[in-house]
């Protein structure tokens, strides 16, 4: 609670401005992490995507890698 003159004003959580700033920062961090992951090891990213494919498509994609 904060004193405002003689009245007591109760604050509940973060302001809308603070919430928006936290959301924007979280989005920035997610973008940075995604960029680091894809730039760090693009071959690993490709192999991960191939692993998610159905078996017949993964077989074709795997043969293209060699």
N, C-alpha and C. Protein backbone atom coordinates (compact mmCIF):
# COMPACT_ATOMS: atom_id res chain seq x y z
N UNK A 1 0.83 -1.18 0.00
CA UNK A 1 0.00 0.00 0.00
C UNK A 1 0.88 1.24 0.00
N UNK A 2 0.47 2.24 -0.74
CA UNK A 2 1.19 3.49 -0.78
C UNK A 2 0.35 4.58 -0.14
N UNK A 3 1.04 5.50 0.50
CA UNK A 3 0.34 6.63 1.09
C UNK A 3 0.18 7.70 0.03
N UNK A 4 -1.01 8.20 -0.12
CA UNK A 4 -1.30 9.27 -1.07
C UNK A 4 -2.01 10.35 -0.27
N UNK A 5 -1.24 11.30 0.28
CA UNK A 5 -1.84 12.26 1.20
C UNK A 5 -2.25 11.50 2.44
N UNK A 6 -3.50 11.56 2.79
CA UNK A 6 -4.00 10.84 3.96
C UNK A 6 -4.67 9.54 3.55
N UNK A 7 -4.83 9.32 2.24
CA UNK A 7 -5.49 8.11 1.77
C UNK A 7 -4.46 7.01 1.54
N UNK A 8 -4.87 5.81 1.71
CA UNK A 8 -4.02 4.66 1.40
C UNK A 8 -4.49 4.08 0.08
N UNK A 9 -3.57 3.94 -0.86
CA UNK A 9 -3.90 3.41 -2.19
C UNK A 9 -3.21 2.06 -2.33
N UNK A 10 -3.97 1.04 -2.66
CA UNK A 10 -3.42 -0.30 -2.81
C UNK A 10 -3.10 -0.55 -4.28
N UNK A 11 -1.88 -1.02 -4.54
CA UNK A 11 -1.49 -1.38 -5.90
C UNK A 11 -1.56 -2.89 -6.03
N UNK A 12 -2.09 -3.33 -7.13
CA UNK A 12 -2.17 -4.78 -7.35
C UNK A 12 -1.36 -5.14 -8.58
N UNK A 13 -0.18 -5.68 -8.37
CA UNK A 13 0.65 -6.16 -9.48
C UNK A 13 1.31 -5.06 -10.27
N UNK A 14 1.54 -5.35 -11.54
CA UNK A 14 2.24 -4.43 -12.43
C UNK A 14 1.25 -3.56 -13.19
N UNK A 15 1.73 -2.38 -13.59
CA UNK A 15 0.89 -1.49 -14.40
C UNK A 15 0.80 -2.05 -15.82
N UNK A 16 -0.14 -1.54 -16.59
CA UNK A 16 -0.28 -1.98 -17.98
C UNK A 16 0.99 -1.70 -18.76
N UNK A 17 1.62 -0.55 -18.50
CA UNK A 17 2.87 -0.20 -19.17
C UNK A 17 3.96 -1.22 -18.86
N UNK A 18 4.08 -1.60 -17.60
CA UNK A 18 5.09 -2.58 -17.20
C UNK A 18 4.81 -3.94 -17.81
N UNK A 19 3.55 -4.34 -17.86
CA UNK A 19 3.19 -5.63 -18.46
C UNK A 19 3.55 -5.66 -19.94
N UNK A 20 3.25 -4.56 -20.64
CA UNK A 20 3.56 -4.48 -22.07
C UNK A 20 5.07 -4.54 -22.29
N UNK A 21 5.83 -3.84 -21.45
CA UNK A 21 7.29 -3.85 -21.57
C UNK A 21 7.84 -5.26 -21.36
N UNK A 22 7.29 -5.98 -20.38
CA UNK A 22 7.75 -7.36 -20.13
C UNK A 22 7.43 -8.27 -21.31
N UNK A 23 6.25 -8.10 -21.92
CA UNK A 23 5.88 -8.91 -23.09
C UNK A 23 6.82 -8.64 -24.25
N UNK A 24 7.14 -7.35 -24.48
CA UNK A 24 8.04 -6.99 -25.57
C UNK A 24 9.43 -7.57 -25.34
N UNK A 25 9.91 -7.49 -24.11
CA UNK A 25 11.24 -8.03 -23.81
C UNK A 25 11.28 -9.54 -23.97
N UNK A 26 10.22 -10.21 -23.55
CA UNK A 26 10.15 -11.67 -23.70
C UNK A 26 10.18 -12.04 -25.19
N UNK A 27 9.48 -11.28 -26.01
CA UNK A 27 9.47 -11.54 -27.44
C UNK A 27 10.87 -11.32 -28.03
N UNK A 28 11.55 -10.27 -27.58
CA UNK A 28 12.92 -10.03 -28.04
C UNK A 28 13.83 -11.20 -27.69
N UNK A 29 13.72 -11.68 -26.46
CA UNK A 29 14.56 -12.80 -26.03
C UNK A 29 14.28 -14.06 -26.83
N UNK A 30 13.00 -14.31 -27.14
CA UNK A 30 12.65 -15.48 -27.95
C UNK A 30 13.24 -15.36 -29.35
N UNK A 31 13.16 -14.17 -29.95
CA UNK A 31 13.74 -13.97 -31.29
C UNK A 31 15.25 -14.16 -31.26
N UNK A 32 15.91 -13.61 -30.25
CA UNK A 32 17.36 -13.76 -30.14
C UNK A 32 17.74 -15.23 -30.00
N UNK A 33 17.01 -15.95 -29.18
CA UNK A 33 17.30 -17.37 -28.97
C UNK A 33 17.09 -18.16 -30.26
N UNK A 34 16.03 -17.84 -30.99
CA UNK A 34 15.75 -18.54 -32.25
C UNK A 34 16.86 -18.24 -33.26
N UNK A 35 17.33 -17.01 -33.31
CA UNK A 35 18.41 -16.66 -34.23
C UNK A 35 19.70 -17.36 -33.86
N UNK A 36 20.02 -17.43 -32.59
CA UNK A 36 21.24 -18.10 -32.16
C UNK A 36 21.19 -19.58 -32.51
N UNK A 37 20.02 -20.19 -32.28
CA UNK A 37 19.88 -21.63 -32.53
C UNK A 37 20.06 -21.92 -34.01
N UNK A 38 19.45 -21.14 -34.87
CA UNK A 38 19.52 -21.44 -36.30
C UNK A 38 20.88 -21.05 -36.90
N UNK A 39 21.52 -20.01 -36.38
CA UNK A 39 22.81 -19.59 -36.92
C UNK A 39 23.96 -20.43 -36.37
N UNK A 40 23.77 -20.97 -35.18
CA UNK A 40 24.84 -21.71 -34.55
C UNK A 40 25.13 -23.01 -35.27
N UNK A 41 24.07 -23.76 -35.59
CA UNK A 41 24.28 -25.06 -36.19
C UNK A 41 23.13 -25.36 -37.15
N UNK A 42 23.19 -24.82 -38.35
CA UNK A 42 22.08 -25.04 -39.29
C UNK A 42 21.91 -26.50 -39.68
N UNK A 43 22.99 -27.26 -39.68
CA UNK A 43 22.88 -28.68 -40.02
C UNK A 43 22.06 -29.43 -38.96
N UNK A 44 22.26 -29.09 -37.71
CA UNK A 44 21.49 -29.72 -36.63
C UNK A 44 20.01 -29.35 -36.76
N UNK A 45 19.73 -28.11 -37.13
CA UNK A 45 18.34 -27.69 -37.33
C UNK A 45 17.70 -28.49 -38.46
N UNK A 46 18.47 -28.71 -39.53
CA UNK A 46 17.96 -29.47 -40.67
C UNK A 46 17.69 -30.92 -40.28
N UNK A 47 18.62 -31.51 -39.56
CA UNK A 47 18.43 -32.90 -39.13
C UNK A 47 17.24 -33.04 -38.18
N UNK A 48 17.02 -32.02 -37.36
CA UNK A 48 15.88 -32.04 -36.46
C UNK A 48 14.57 -32.01 -37.25
N UNK A 49 14.52 -31.20 -38.29
CA UNK A 49 13.32 -31.13 -39.13
C UNK A 49 13.10 -32.44 -39.88
N UNK A 50 14.16 -33.04 -40.37
CA UNK A 50 14.06 -34.32 -41.07
C UNK A 50 13.51 -35.39 -40.13
N UNK A 51 13.94 -35.36 -38.87
CA UNK A 51 13.47 -36.34 -37.89
C UNK A 51 11.97 -36.20 -37.63
N UNK A 52 11.42 -35.01 -37.83
CA UNK A 52 9.99 -34.79 -37.62
C UNK A 52 9.14 -35.26 -38.80
N UNK A 53 9.78 -35.55 -39.93
CA UNK A 53 9.05 -35.94 -41.15
C UNK A 53 8.57 -37.38 -41.06
N UNK A 54 7.55 -37.72 -41.86
CA UNK A 54 7.16 -39.13 -41.99
C UNK A 54 8.34 -39.93 -42.56
N UNK A 55 8.37 -41.23 -42.30
CA UNK A 55 9.52 -42.05 -42.67
C UNK A 55 9.91 -41.97 -44.14
N UNK A 56 8.92 -42.03 -45.04
CA UNK A 56 9.28 -42.02 -46.47
C UNK A 56 9.88 -40.67 -46.89
N UNK A 57 9.36 -39.58 -46.36
CA UNK A 57 9.92 -38.26 -46.69
C UNK A 57 11.28 -38.06 -46.03
N UNK A 58 11.45 -38.58 -44.81
CA UNK A 58 12.73 -38.47 -44.12
C UNK A 58 13.81 -39.25 -44.88
N UNK A 59 13.44 -40.40 -45.44
CA UNK A 59 14.39 -41.20 -46.23
C UNK A 59 14.88 -40.41 -47.44
N UNK A 60 13.97 -39.76 -48.14
CA UNK A 60 14.33 -38.96 -49.31
C UNK A 60 15.20 -37.78 -48.90
N UNK A 61 14.79 -37.08 -47.85
CA UNK A 61 15.57 -35.92 -47.39
C UNK A 61 16.95 -36.33 -46.90
N UNK A 62 17.03 -37.46 -46.23
CA UNK A 62 18.33 -37.95 -45.75
C UNK A 62 19.27 -38.29 -46.88
N UNK A 63 18.71 -38.82 -47.99
CA UNK A 63 19.55 -39.15 -49.14
C UNK A 63 20.03 -37.91 -49.86
N UNK A 64 19.32 -36.83 -49.74
CA UNK A 64 19.74 -35.56 -50.36
C UNK A 64 20.89 -34.93 -49.61
N UNK A 65 21.08 -35.30 -48.37
CA UNK A 65 22.14 -34.70 -47.54
C UNK A 65 23.51 -35.22 -47.93
N UNK A 66 23.58 -36.38 -48.59
CA UNK A 66 24.89 -36.97 -48.89
C UNK A 66 25.39 -36.57 -50.23
